[in-house]
Amino acid sequence: MAWTRKQKRLGVIAGLGVILALAAGLILTALRDQIVFFYSPTEIAEAGVSPGTPIRLGGLVLEGSWQQDGENNVFVVHDGAGEMTARYTGILPDLFREGQGVVAEGSVQADGSFLATNVLAKHDETYMPREVADSLREQGVWQGEEG
């Protein structure tokens, strides 16, 4: 049985659609390991994030918690309901302060602390990352403007 011109065209289109769907699936699977999720200290405890998983920890730096010894920094990030000790080796941003918003990229360690590989501080008095502000607003801690 010979295919008509219309059937050949539909077959080619269907074949290209299958190839496109497979390519999209492979790309999404590969990117899944590259995505870094945001969590507040309370959400980390609730979600049971496994040690070594790359995440972003966001919240406020607890007043009186920042200890600095050269480039070794230890501080506590809180969201009003929970808190987590974070460690970072390196120079912190100039705007890093206690009581200010912070987002730290890194991973939870086996002892329950957070090892940061990058620390981001807010750049002015009105900026707070939307994810952090929403999480803190839910906890009743963040009183800033709506994003």
C-alpha atoms as a PDB file:
ATOM      1  CA  MET A   1       0.000   0.000   0.000  1.00  0.00           C
ATOM      2  CA  ALA A   2       1.513   3.306  -1.094  1.00  0.00           C
ATOM      3  CA  TRP A   3       1.288   6.332   1.125  1.00  0.00           C
ATOM      4  CA  THR A   4      -0.304   9.430  -0.275  1.00  0.00           C
ATOM      5  CA  ARG A   5       1.516  12.723  -0.212  1.00  0.00           C
ATOM      6  CA  LYS A   6      -0.653  13.891   2.705  1.00  0.00           C
ATOM      7  CA  GLN A   7       0.098  10.733   4.754  1.00  0.00           C
ATOM      8  CA  LYS A   8       3.851  11.133   4.162  1.00  0.00           C
ATOM      9  CA  ARG A   9       3.693  14.746   5.330  1.00  0.00           C
ATOM     10  CA  LEU A  10       1.736  13.785   8.482  1.00  0.00           C
ATOM     11  CA  GLY A  11       4.225  10.973   9.176  1.00  0.00           C
ATOM     12  CA  VAL A  12       7.166  13.395   8.962  1.00  0.00           C
ATOM     13  CA  ILE A  13       5.399  15.896  11.241  1.00  0.00           C
ATOM     14  CA  ALA A  14       4.549  13.159  13.762  1.00  0.00           C
ATOM     15  CA  GLY A  15       8.151  11.898  13.700  1.00  0.00           C
ATOM     16  CA  LEU A  16       9.515  15.405  14.294  1.00  0.00           C
ATOM     17  CA  GLY A  17       7.035  15.851  17.166  1.00  0.00           C
ATOM     18  CA  VAL A  18       8.273  12.657  18.832  1.00  0.00           C
ATOM     19  CA  ILE A  19      11.910  13.738  18.423  1.00  0.00           C
ATOM     20  CA  LEU A  20      11.107  17.195  19.847  1.00  0.00           C
ATOM     21  CA  ALA A  21       9.311  15.661  22.854  1.00  0.00           C
ATOM     22  CA  LEU A  22      12.270  13.338  23.545  1.00  0.00           C
ATOM     23  CA  ALA A  23      14.729  16.242  23.291  1.00  0.00           C
ATOM     24  CA  ALA A  24      12.639  18.354  25.695  1.00  0.00           C
ATOM     25  CA  GLY A  25      12.439  15.436  28.136  1.00  0.00           C
ATOM     26  CA  LEU A  26      16.213  14.941  28.047  1.00  0.00           C
ATOM     27  CA  ILE A  27      16.860  18.649  28.569  1.00  0.00           C
ATOM     28  CA  LEU A  28      14.487  18.864  31.541  1.00  0.00           C
ATOM     29  CA  THR A  29      15.997  15.751  33.092  1.00  0.00           C
ATOM     30  CA  ALA A  30      19.502  17.180  32.747  1.00  0.00           C
ATOM     31  CA  LEU A  31      18.472  20.570  34.183  1.00  0.00           C
ATOM     32  CA  ARG A  32      16.701  19.024  37.161  1.00  0.00           C
ATOM     33  CA  ASP A  33      20.089  18.446  38.795  1.00  0.00           C
ATOM     34  CA  GLN A  34      21.120  22.069  38.142  1.00  0.00           C
ATOM     35  CA  ILE A  35      18.092  23.730  39.770  1.00  0.00           C
ATOM     36  CA  VAL A  36      18.730  25.219  43.198  1.00  0.00           C
ATOM     37  CA  PHE A  37      15.617  25.472  45.370  1.00  0.00           C
ATOM     38  CA  PHE A  38      14.942  28.177  47.987  1.00  0.00           C
ATOM     39  CA  TYR A  39      14.047  27.238  51.557  1.00  0.00           C
ATOM     40  CA  SER A  40      13.555  29.089  54.820  1.00  0.00           C
ATOM     41  CA  PRO A  41      14.977  27.448  57.985  1.00  0.00           C
ATOM     42  CA  THR A  42      11.514  26.161  58.918  1.00  0.00           C
ATOM     43  CA  GLU A  43      10.969  24.662  55.457  1.00  0.00           C
ATOM     44  CA  ILE A  44      14.331  22.879  55.600  1.00  0.00           C
ATOM     45  CA  ALA A  45      13.285  21.186  58.841  1.00  0.00           C
ATOM     46  CA  GLU A  46       9.820  20.312  57.474  1.00  0.00           C
ATOM     47  CA  ALA A  47      11.023  19.070  54.077  1.00  0.00           C
ATOM     48  CA  GLY A  48      13.844  16.985  55.508  1.00  0.00           C
ATOM     49  CA  VAL A  49      16.380  18.235  52.954  1.00  0.00           C
ATOM     50  CA  SER A  50      19.122  15.629  52.685  1.00  0.00           C
ATOM     51  CA  PRO A  51      22.714  16.664  53.467  1.00  0.00           C
ATOM     52  CA  GLY A  52      24.716  17.743  50.435  1.00  0.00           C
ATOM     53  CA  THR A  53      21.703  18.820  48.359  1.00  0.00           C
ATOM     54  CA  PRO A  54      22.385  22.273  46.840  1.00  0.00           C
ATOM     55  CA  ILE A  55      19.778  24.765  48.066  1.00  0.00           C
ATOM     56  CA  ARG A  56      19.325  28.436  48.884  1.00  0.00           C
ATOM     57  CA  LEU A  57      18.698  29.341  52.508  1.00  0.00           C
ATOM     58  CA  GLY A  58      16.915  32.645  53.009  1.00  0.00           C
ATOM     59  CA  GLY A  59      15.771  34.686  55.960  1.00  0.00           C
ATOM     60  CA  LEU A  60      17.041  37.330  58.348  1.00  0.00           C
ATOM     61  CA  VAL A  61      20.409  37.307  60.085  1.00  0.00           C
ATOM     62  CA  LEU A  62      19.662  36.915  63.793  1.00  0.00           C
ATOM     63  CA  GLU A  63      20.812  39.897  65.898  1.00  0.00           C
ATOM     64  CA  GLY A  64      23.950  39.090  67.911  1.00  0.00           C
ATOM     65  CA  SER A  65      24.658  35.837  66.068  1.00  0.00           C
ATOM     66  CA  TRP A  66      27.392  36.853  63.623  1.00  0.00           C
ATOM     67  CA  GLN A  67      30.871  35.696  64.620  1.00  0.00           C
ATOM     68  CA  GLN A  68      33.834  36.490  62.406  1.00  0.00           C
ATOM     69  CA  ASP A  69      37.367  35.133  62.591  1.00  0.00           C
ATOM     70  CA  GLY A  70      39.307  36.355  59.565  1.00  0.00           C
ATOM     71  CA  GLU A  71      37.409  35.022  56.571  1.00  0.00           C
ATOM     72  CA  ASN A  72      35.535  32.421  58.651  1.00  0.00           C
ATOM     73  CA  ASN A  73      31.987  33.580  59.348  1.00  0.00           C
ATOM     74  CA  VAL A  74      29.280  31.940  61.428  1.00  0.00           C
ATOM     75  CA  PHE A  75      25.789  33.436  61.675  1.00  0.00           C
ATOM     76  CA  VAL A  76      22.231  32.320  62.329  1.00  0.00           C
ATOM     77  CA  VAL A  77      19.485  32.728  59.708  1.00  0.00           C
ATOM     78  CA  HIS A  78      15.934  32.807  61.054  1.00  0.00           C
ATOM     79  CA  ASP A  79      12.422  33.194  59.710  1.00  0.00           C
ATOM     80  CA  GLY A  80      10.557  33.828  62.955  1.00  0.00           C
ATOM     81  CA  ALA A  81       9.624  30.193  63.499  1.00  0.00           C
ATOM     82  CA  GLY A  82      12.922  28.419  62.932  1.00  0.00           C
ATOM     83  CA  GLU A  83      16.603  29.132  62.693  1.00  0.00           C
ATOM     84  CA  MET A  84      19.697  27.561  61.208  1.00  0.00           C
ATOM     85  CA  THR A  85      23.380  28.148  61.831  1.00  0.00           C
ATOM     86  CA  ALA A  86      25.267  28.996  58.648  1.00  0.00           C
ATOM     87  CA  ARG A  87      29.013  28.897  58.049  1.00  0.00           C
ATOM     88  CA  TYR A  88      30.775  30.757  55.254  1.00  0.00           C
ATOM     89  CA  THR A  89      34.448  31.117  54.425  1.00  0.00           C
ATOM     90  CA  GLY A  90      35.190  34.225  52.421  1.00  0.00           C
ATOM     91  CA  ILE A  91      34.520  37.924  52.377  1.00  0.00           C
ATOM     92  CA  LEU A  92      30.877  38.764  53.025  1.00  0.00           C
ATOM     93  CA  PRO A  93      29.121  41.469  50.976  1.00  0.00           C
ATOM     94  CA  ASP A  94      29.504  45.019  52.342  1.00  0.00           C
ATOM     95  CA  LEU A  95      25.761  45.179  53.016  1.00  0.00           C
ATOM     96  CA  PHE A  96      25.713  42.004  55.148  1.00  0.00           C
ATOM     97  CA  ARG A  97      24.405  42.955  58.592  1.00  0.00           C
ATOM     98  CA  GLU A  98      22.566  41.417  61.503  1.00  0.00           C
ATOM     99  CA  GLY A  99      18.826  41.949  61.265  1.00  0.00           C
ATOM    100  CA  GLN A 100      18.989  42.218  57.455  1.00  0.00           C
ATOM    101  CA  GLY A 101      17.747  39.847  54.784  1.00  0.00           C
ATOM    102  CA  VAL A 102      20.172  37.310  53.368  1.00  0.00           C
ATOM    103  CA  VAL A 103      20.163  34.471  50.857  1.00  0.00           C
ATOM    104  CA  ALA A 104      22.945  31.900  51.181  1.00  0.00           C
ATOM    105  CA  GLU A 105      23.654  29.286  48.530  1.00  0.00           C
ATOM    106  CA  GLY A 106      25.142  26.011  49.714  1.00  0.00           C
ATOM    107  CA  SER A 107      24.046  22.796  51.377  1.00  0.00           C
ATOM    108  CA  VAL A 108      22.858  21.383  54.684  1.00  0.00           C
ATOM    109  CA  GLN A 109      25.549  19.412  56.491  1.00  0.00           C
ATOM    110  CA  ALA A 110      25.151  16.142  58.399  1.00  0.00           C
ATOM    111  CA  ASP A 111      25.292  18.039  61.733  1.00  0.00           C
ATOM    112  CA  GLY A 112      22.284  20.183  60.714  1.00  0.00           C
ATOM    113  CA  SER A 113      24.243  23.360  59.986  1.00  0.00           C
ATOM    114  CA  PHE A 114      24.383  25.096  56.617  1.00  0.00           C
ATOM    115  CA  LEU A 115      27.641  25.398  54.686  1.00  0.00           C
ATOM    116  CA  ALA A 116      27.358  28.406  52.378  1.00  0.00           C
ATOM    117  CA  THR A 117      29.339  28.702  49.162  1.00  0.00           C
ATOM    118  CA  ASN A 118      27.883  32.112  48.273  1.00  0.00           C
ATOM    119  CA  VAL A 119      26.146  34.773  50.373  1.00  0.00           C
ATOM    120  CA  LEU A 120      23.906  37.463  48.905  1.00  0.00           C
ATOM    121  CA  ALA A 121      22.780  40.482  50.925  1.00  0.00           C
ATOM    122  CA  LYS A 122      20.069  42.943  50.018  1.00  0.00           C
ATOM    123  CA  HIS A 123      21.319  45.977  48.139  1.00  0.00           C
ATOM    124  CA  ASP A 124      19.157  48.727  49.635  1.00  0.00           C
ATOM    125  CA  GLU A 125      16.442  49.322  52.204  1.00  0.00           C
ATOM    126  CA  THR A 126      13.558  48.397  49.902  1.00  0.00           C
ATOM    127  CA  TYR A 127      14.901  45.237  48.266  1.00  0.00           C
ATOM    128  CA  MET A 128      14.191  41.739  49.494  1.00  0.00           C
ATOM    129  CA  PRO A 129      14.110  38.710  47.183  1.00  0.00           C
ATOM    130  CA  ARG A 130      10.446  37.849  46.526  1.00  0.00           C
ATOM    131  CA  GLU A 131      10.862  34.256  47.748  1.00  0.00           C
ATOM    132  CA  VAL A 132      12.442  35.402  51.019  1.00  0.00           C
ATOM    133  CA  ALA A 133       9.905  38.185  51.598  1.00  0.00           C
ATOM    134  CA  ASP A 134       6.942  35.857  50.913  1.00  0.00           C
ATOM    135  CA  SER A 135       8.296  33.225  53.281  1.00  0.00           C
ATOM    136  CA  LEU A 136       9.012  35.749  56.033  1.00  0.00           C
ATOM    137  CA  ARG A 137       5.639  37.437  55.496  1.00  0.00           C
ATOM    138  CA  GLU A 138       3.913  34.045  55.995  1.00  0.00           C
ATOM    139  CA  GLN A 139       5.799  33.651  59.290  1.00  0.00           C
ATOM    140  CA  GLY A 140       4.813  37.197  60.332  1.00  0.00           C
ATOM    141  CA  VAL A 141       8.438  38.400  60.476  1.00  0.00           C
ATOM    142  CA  TRP A 142       8.815  40.532  57.309  1.00  0.00           C
ATOM    143  CA  GLN A 143       6.947  43.818  57.484  1.00  0.00           C
ATOM    144  CA  GLY A 144       8.199  45.320  54.219  1.00  0.00           C
ATOM    145  CA  GLU A 145       6.106  46.377  51.266  1.00  0.00           C
ATOM    146  CA  GLU A 146       4.259  43.860  49.119  1.00  0.00           C
ATOM    147  CA  GLY A 147       6.411  42.646  46.194  1.00  0.00           C
END
